[in-house]
Protein backbone atom coordinates (compact mmCIF):
# COMPACT_ATOMS: atom_id res chain seq x y z
CA MET A 1 38.13 173.73 30.89
CA ILE A 2 39.24 170.41 33.31
CA LEU A 3 42.87 170.17 33.36
CA LEU A 4 44.00 166.68 34.64
CA ILE A 5 47.55 166.47 36.14
CA VAL A 6 48.97 163.25 36.65
CA THR A 7 52.33 163.11 39.19
CA ASP A 8 54.18 160.09 41.16
CA ALA A 9 55.03 162.98 43.23
CA TRP A 10 52.85 164.70 45.98
CA ARG A 11 52.47 165.06 49.71
CA PRO A 12 53.63 164.17 51.90
CA GLN A 13 57.12 164.14 49.89
CA THR A 14 58.66 167.26 50.58
CA ASN A 15 60.83 168.05 47.25
CA GLY A 16 60.88 170.59 45.06
CA VAL A 17 58.34 168.90 42.05
CA VAL A 18 55.66 169.08 44.94
CA THR A 19 55.88 172.30 45.46
CA THR A 20 56.27 173.38 42.03
CA LEU A 21 52.81 171.40 41.52
CA GLU A 22 51.06 172.67 44.20
CA GLU A 23 52.19 176.47 43.30
CA VAL A 24 51.29 175.94 39.80
CA ILE A 25 47.89 174.56 40.84
CA ALA A 26 46.57 177.20 42.58
CA GLY A 27 47.50 180.09 40.12
CA VAL A 28 45.75 178.05 37.55
CA ARG A 29 42.79 177.77 39.80
CA GLU A 30 42.80 181.73 40.41
CA LEU A 31 43.08 182.01 36.96
CA GLY A 32 39.47 180.28 36.35
CA HIS A 33 40.56 176.53 35.56
CA ARG A 34 39.54 173.00 37.13
CA VAL A 35 42.29 171.31 38.64
CA GLU A 36 42.07 167.79 39.29
CA VAL A 37 45.13 165.46 40.49
CA LEU A 38 45.44 161.72 39.93
CA GLU A 39 48.79 160.70 42.62
CA PRO A 40 49.15 157.84 44.78
CA GLY A 41 47.19 158.80 47.85
CA GLY A 42 44.09 157.38 45.69
CA PHE A 43 46.21 153.95 45.20
CA ARG A 44 48.13 150.68 46.99
CA THR A 45 51.36 152.18 47.45
CA VAL A 46 54.94 150.80 48.30
CA GLY A 47 57.80 152.85 49.93
CA LEU A 48 60.97 152.44 47.53
CA PRO A 49 63.86 151.05 48.94
CA GLY A 50 66.08 153.46 50.73
CA TYR A 51 63.61 155.69 50.39
CA ARG A 52 60.19 154.88 52.26
CA GLU A 53 58.84 158.61 52.69
CA ILE A 54 58.23 158.10 48.53
CA ARG A 55 55.24 155.80 47.74
CA VAL A 56 54.42 154.84 44.39
CA ALA A 57 51.11 153.23 43.22
CA ILE A 58 51.65 149.38 42.90
CA ASN A 59 47.87 149.30 41.12
CA PRO A 60 48.18 152.23 38.58
CA PHE A 61 45.74 149.29 36.28
CA SER A 62 42.46 151.74 37.03
CA VAL A 63 44.13 154.98 35.60
CA GLY A 64 42.58 154.93 32.41
CA ARG A 65 39.03 154.72 33.51
CA ARG A 66 39.78 157.27 36.19
CA ILE A 67 40.97 159.90 33.20
CA ARG A 68 37.82 158.66 31.14
CA GLU A 69 35.91 159.34 34.55
CA LEU A 70 37.12 162.82 35.00
CA ALA A 71 36.63 163.81 30.82
CA PRO A 72 39.54 165.83 30.96
CA GLY A 73 40.08 169.16 28.43
CA ALA A 74 42.98 168.27 28.59
CA VAL A 75 45.98 165.70 30.46
CA HIS A 76 49.43 166.86 31.73
CA ILE A 77 51.83 163.96 32.58
CA ALA A 78 54.22 165.71 35.35
CA THR A 79 56.57 162.37 36.13
CA GLU A 80 57.78 159.07 34.72
CA GLY A 81 56.72 156.70 37.88
CA PRO A 82 54.19 154.01 37.65
CA LEU A 83 51.35 156.54 37.36
CA GLY A 84 52.40 158.69 34.99
CA LEU A 85 53.51 155.67 32.33
CA ALA A 86 49.83 154.15 32.87
CA ALA A 87 48.27 157.58 31.80
CA ARG A 88 51.03 157.58 28.75
CA ARG A 89 49.96 154.24 27.67
CA PHE A 90 46.43 154.89 28.02
CA LEU A 91 46.66 158.23 26.28
CA VAL A 92 49.41 157.25 23.43
CA LYS A 93 46.31 154.16 22.63
CA ARG A 94 43.97 156.21 22.24
CA GLY A 95 45.92 159.06 20.23
CA LEU A 96 44.96 161.07 22.76
CA PRO A 97 47.26 164.35 23.14
CA PHE A 98 48.90 165.42 26.55
CA THR A 99 51.99 166.89 27.45
CA THR A 100 54.97 166.36 30.17
CA SER A 101 57.50 167.84 32.38
CA LEU A 102 60.91 166.77 33.12
CA HIS A 103 62.04 167.94 36.49
CA THR A 104 64.93 166.10 37.28
CA LYS A 105 68.33 164.42 36.12
CA PHE A 106 66.91 161.03 36.47
CA PRO A 107 69.79 158.87 34.36
CA GLU A 108 72.49 160.93 36.59
CA TYR A 109 70.47 159.81 39.40
CA MET A 110 69.80 156.40 38.51
CA GLN A 111 74.16 156.74 37.44
CA ALA A 112 74.85 157.48 41.54
CA ARG A 113 72.36 154.79 42.80
CA ILE A 114 72.85 151.37 41.01
CA GLY A 115 75.27 152.40 38.43
CA LEU A 116 73.17 152.52 35.19
CA PRO A 117 74.97 154.02 32.52
CA LEU A 118 73.27 157.28 31.41
CA ARG A 119 73.11 156.28 27.78
CA PHE A 120 69.90 153.43 29.10
CA GLY A 121 68.81 156.47 31.39
CA TYR A 122 68.57 159.13 28.53
CA ARG A 123 67.54 156.02 26.15
CA PHE A 124 63.87 156.16 28.60
CA LEU A 125 63.35 159.86 28.71
CA ARG A 126 63.33 160.23 25.24
CA TRP A 127 61.01 157.30 24.18
CA PHE A 128 58.67 158.18 27.57
CA HIS A 129 58.33 161.91 26.57
CA ARG A 130 58.21 161.38 22.80
CA PRO A 131 54.44 161.27 22.54
CA ALA A 132 54.09 164.53 24.33
CA GLY A 133 52.78 167.39 22.25
CA SER A 134 55.54 169.38 24.51
CA THR A 135 57.97 168.59 27.26
CA LEU A 136 58.90 171.67 29.80
CA VAL A 137 62.06 171.95 31.26
CA THR A 138 63.26 173.78 33.94
CA THR A 139 66.03 176.16 32.40
CA ALA A 140 67.54 177.09 28.79
CA ARG A 141 70.41 175.23 30.11
CA GLN A 142 68.48 172.08 30.85
CA GLN A 143 66.69 172.38 27.16
CA GLU A 144 70.04 172.13 25.72
CA GLU A 145 71.32 169.45 27.48
CA LEU A 146 68.55 167.19 27.19
CA GLN A 147 68.55 168.19 22.91
CA ALA A 148 71.97 166.99 22.85
CA TRP A 149 70.89 163.51 24.33
CA GLY A 150 67.98 163.66 21.40
CA LEU A 151 64.66 164.71 23.41
CA GLU A 152 62.46 167.04 21.45
CA HIS A 153 59.73 169.56 21.91
CA LEU A 154 61.27 170.80 25.07
CA GLN A 155 59.70 174.51 26.27
CA VAL A 156 61.68 176.26 29.34
CA TRP A 157 59.28 176.65 32.13
CA GLY A 158 61.05 178.24 34.90
CA ARG A 159 60.62 177.91 38.20
CA GLY A 160 59.19 180.47 41.32
CA VAL A 161 59.41 181.43 44.94
CA ASP A 162 56.84 182.47 47.65
CA THR A 163 58.68 185.85 48.43
CA HIS A 164 55.60 186.68 51.13
CA HIS A 165 56.64 183.73 52.89
CA PHE A 166 60.35 183.33 52.38
CA ARG A 167 61.86 186.77 53.49
CA PRO A 168 64.43 188.36 55.17
CA ARG A 169 63.57 187.78 59.30
CA PRO A 170 65.39 188.94 62.38
CA ARG A 171 69.28 186.73 62.68
CA VAL A 172 69.03 184.92 65.95
CA ARG A 173 72.28 183.32 66.61
CA GLY A 174 73.34 180.88 68.66
CA PHE A 175 76.04 178.80 66.46
CA ASP A 176 79.57 179.51 65.88
CA ASP A 177 80.39 182.02 63.00
CA PRO A 178 79.55 181.51 59.86
CA LEU A 179 76.45 179.35 59.93
CA LEU A 180 76.80 177.37 56.73
CA LEU A 181 73.16 175.69 55.76
CA TYR A 182 72.07 173.12 53.50
CA VAL A 183 68.49 172.62 52.73
CA GLY A 184 67.39 169.34 50.67
CA ARG A 185 67.29 165.58 50.90
CA VAL A 186 70.06 163.85 52.21
CA ALA A 187 70.62 161.39 49.63
CA VAL A 188 73.89 160.15 47.70
CA GLU A 189 72.69 162.49 44.38
CA LYS A 190 72.81 165.65 46.37
CA ASN A 191 76.58 165.23 47.04
CA LEU A 192 76.20 166.67 50.56
CA GLN A 193 79.38 164.32 51.60
CA ALA A 194 81.62 166.80 49.43
CA PHE A 195 80.14 169.94 51.42
CA LEU A 196 80.37 168.22 55.00
CA GLU A 197 84.35 167.40 54.45
CA LEU A 198 85.23 170.78 53.68
CA ASP A 199 87.71 172.08 56.45
CA VAL A 200 86.38 175.59 56.57
CA PRO A 201 85.09 177.97 59.61
CA GLY A 202 81.56 178.09 60.85
CA GLN A 203 78.77 175.34 61.75
CA LYS A 204 77.51 173.32 59.56
CA VAL A 205 73.58 172.66 59.40
CA VAL A 206 71.97 170.35 57.64
CA VAL A 207 67.47 170.52 57.31
CA GLY A 208 66.06 167.47 55.72
CA ASP A 209 66.02 164.07 55.69
CA GLY A 210 66.75 160.81 53.39
CA PRO A 211 68.84 157.45 53.60
CA GLN A 212 72.11 158.96 54.11
CA ARG A 213 71.59 160.88 57.11
CA ALA A 214 72.53 158.17 59.84
CA ALA A 215 75.57 157.84 57.81
CA LEU A 216 76.79 161.46 57.79
CA ALA A 217 75.84 161.71 61.07
CA ARG A 218 78.03 159.22 62.20
CA ARG A 219 80.85 160.31 60.33
CA PHE A 220 80.16 163.58 61.08
CA PRO A 221 79.41 164.46 64.46
CA ASP A 222 80.58 168.03 64.64
CA VAL A 223 77.42 168.74 61.90
CA THR A 224 73.97 170.02 63.15
CA PHE A 225 71.25 167.93 61.33
CA ILE A 226 67.76 168.71 62.27
CA GLY A 227 65.48 166.58 59.98
CA TYR A 228 62.45 168.10 58.00
CA CYS A 229 61.55 172.19 58.49
CA TYR A 230 58.49 173.03 57.25
CA GLY A 231 56.61 177.10 57.15
CA ASP A 232 58.21 179.61 59.04
CA GLU A 233 60.82 176.95 60.91
CA LEU A 234 62.12 176.49 57.52
CA ALA A 235 61.72 179.97 56.88
CA GLU A 236 63.79 181.13 59.54
CA TRP A 237 66.77 178.68 59.22
CA TYR A 238 67.22 180.22 55.70
CA ALA A 239 66.93 183.45 57.31
CA LYS A 240 69.78 183.11 60.02
CA ALA A 241 72.39 181.28 57.75
CA ASP A 242 75.24 183.48 56.39
CA VAL A 243 75.56 181.12 53.61
CA PHE A 244 73.35 178.30 51.58
CA VAL A 245 75.80 175.71 50.51
CA PHE A 246 74.33 173.77 46.94
CA PRO A 247 77.03 170.79 46.59
CA SER A 248 74.31 169.10 44.05
CA ARG A 249 75.58 168.52 40.84
CA THR A 250 72.91 166.86 39.52
CA ASP A 251 69.80 169.13 40.23
CA THR A 252 67.87 170.49 37.33
CA PHE A 253 66.78 174.08 38.99
CA GLY A 254 67.52 173.63 42.73
CA LEU A 255 64.36 175.58 44.36
CA VAL A 256 65.99 175.64 47.69
CA MET A 257 68.44 178.13 46.48
CA LEU A 258 65.62 180.83 45.40
CA GLU A 259 63.87 180.27 48.82
CA ALA A 260 66.90 180.94 50.54
CA MET A 261 67.68 184.27 48.58
CA ALA A 262 64.08 185.27 49.29
CA CYS A 263 65.59 185.32 53.06
CA GLY A 264 68.17 187.11 52.26
CA THR A 265 70.68 184.40 52.42
CA PRO A 266 73.78 183.71 49.33
CA VAL A 267 74.50 180.73 47.46
CA ALA A 268 77.80 178.59 47.12
CA ALA A 269 77.69 176.42 44.81
CA TYR A 270 78.97 174.35 42.07
CA PRO A 271 79.15 175.81 38.14
CA VAL A 272 76.40 173.51 37.24
CA THR A 273 73.01 173.28 35.67
CA GLY A 274 70.87 174.91 38.46
CA PRO A 275 73.22 177.03 40.11
CA LEU A 276 74.57 178.51 36.64
CA ASP A 277 71.14 179.48 35.89
CA LEU A 278 70.50 181.56 39.90
CA VAL A 279 73.82 182.42 40.33
CA THR A 280 75.53 185.77 39.47
CA ASP A 281 78.99 185.41 40.98
CA GLY A 282 79.87 188.23 43.22
CA LEU A 283 75.60 189.60 43.53
CA ASN A 284 73.87 186.70 44.93
CA GLY A 285 76.51 184.10 45.54
CA ALA A 286 79.22 182.15 44.58
CA LEU A 287 79.99 179.52 41.82
CA ASP A 288 83.58 177.99 41.81
CA GLU A 289 84.64 174.09 41.36
CA ASP A 290 86.58 174.54 44.65
CA LEU A 291 83.20 174.55 46.93
CA GLY A 292 85.08 175.96 49.93
CA CYS A 293 86.50 179.42 48.07
CA ALA A 294 82.85 179.66 46.86
CA ILE A 295 81.56 179.47 50.62
CA GLU A 296 84.31 182.10 50.86
CA ARG A 297 83.14 184.54 48.65
CA ALA A 298 79.56 184.52 48.82
CA LEU A 299 79.98 185.58 52.78
CA ASP A 300 80.98 188.46 51.06
CA CYS A 301 77.75 189.17 49.36
CA ASP A 302 75.33 191.89 49.74
CA ARG A 303 71.90 190.24 51.31
CA ALA A 304 69.84 193.03 50.10
CA ALA A 305 70.73 191.82 46.25
CA CYS A 306 69.92 188.40 46.99
CA ARG A 307 66.27 189.19 48.19
CA GLN A 308 66.26 191.45 45.36
CA PHE A 309 66.78 188.99 42.92
CA ALA A 310 64.35 186.76 44.28
CA GLU A 311 61.35 189.63 44.24
CA GLN A 312 62.31 189.09 40.55
CA GLN A 313 61.11 185.26 40.49
CA GLY A 314 57.53 185.01 41.03
CA TRP A 315 55.24 182.14 40.24
CA ASP A 316 52.91 184.20 38.19
CA SER A 317 54.98 184.12 34.82
CA VAL A 318 55.84 180.16 35.58
CA VAL A 319 51.66 179.32 35.64
CA GLN A 320 51.18 181.62 32.59
CA ARG A 321 53.90 179.61 30.62
CA PHE A 322 52.30 176.16 31.83
CA VAL A 323 48.46 177.40 30.90
CA ASP A 324 50.44 178.85 27.29
CA ASP A 325 51.68 175.36 26.67
CA LEU A 326 48.76 173.28 27.32
CA GLU A 327 46.89 175.91 25.18
CA SER A 328 49.39 175.40 22.54
CA ILE A 329 47.90 171.67 21.96
CA THR A 330 45.04 170.91 20.21
CA TRP A 331 42.49 169.10 21.93
CA PRO A 332 39.52 167.02 21.16
CA ALA A 333 36.26 167.00 22.58
CA PRO A 334 36.72 165.76 26.48
CA VAL A 335 37.90 161.83 27.22
CA ARG A 336 34.58 160.65 27.86
CA ALA A 337 33.50 156.69 29.08
CA ASP A 338 32.18 154.51 26.57
CA ASP A 339 29.00 152.55 26.79
CA ARG A 340 30.76 149.83 27.77
CA LEU A 341 32.53 151.79 30.74
CA ALA A 342 29.94 153.79 31.61
CA THR A 343 28.30 151.05 33.21
CA GLU A 344 31.40 149.82 35.25
CA THR A 345 31.67 150.78 38.68
CA ILE A 346 34.66 153.44 38.50
CA ASP A 347 36.60 154.07 41.27
CA PRO A 348 36.89 158.03 42.31
CA VAL A 349 39.84 160.04 42.38
CA GLY A 350 42.35 159.37 45.48
CA SER A 351 40.78 161.87 48.26
CA ASN A 352 44.19 163.74 48.44
CA SER A 353 43.50 165.01 45.04
CA LEU A 354 43.18 168.96 44.96
CA ARG A 355 39.51 170.17 44.14
């Protein structure tokens, strides 16, 4: 089967959506399926205001023709951006089935950034995902929240972590104890300020970048801002930290929490969706409406218990649920170009697509 994934989030973006898609694609290929990706690299793009590193397609008009040319046996739309919208329009117009996934709390993000009322954001999500055969969501708690807003056909997907790469390492110091780490986008919806304002012992380190970095670095000169890290360097930051602090109240999961636990580092967070699905208080971290108290309690957690929890969260089951969800949909014969379109010049899928 040729599987087409349409996504507005792709390399060089660094986020949980891209990581999830890359891991799932690799796993699906290992099962013997061919996977193609329709992503912004094959289109003209523009950086989002305030997020120049996030580039979106501004000429998605050829999406339908590209779908016809690829003749996929299944289509999954991973994001609600320009490419996702164009693919949805093409498939709905022709009565072709597809699945979707919902990775972020888009309405909450828009409320935090521009003050858009939540009801408008969720109205858009209901409209976007309604024609899908099913919509994959991260956790059972997110499923319940979305159902309360009127979304249907939701299937719990889950997330995993690469425990070979993210693993305990020698804990080289060099910072004041304890080392309190944040990894992620430096943006308003991540609520990072709540962490940086805390009057707690130790050294705060921020790994990541985003539109708030310059302002926060000026306001909190004692905080160490590292910027983006990848590979072994990122894993070493996780491993050397005493506590991983996750101040977000709007994430649907928080893959970085699993990465930290895989390196043996406990998590301190608010008791909200995401942390509630991953953190067992006193075992692999601590949850509290007082983030400072959560940090204090997390320091007492057994690092071996954090690692043990992460070892149970592999990607194999996530990949299998993805494939099972696709196979639950009755697919027609592969989408193919009609005689008129077959004679037209059709742009190839972007060179960055996985093959």
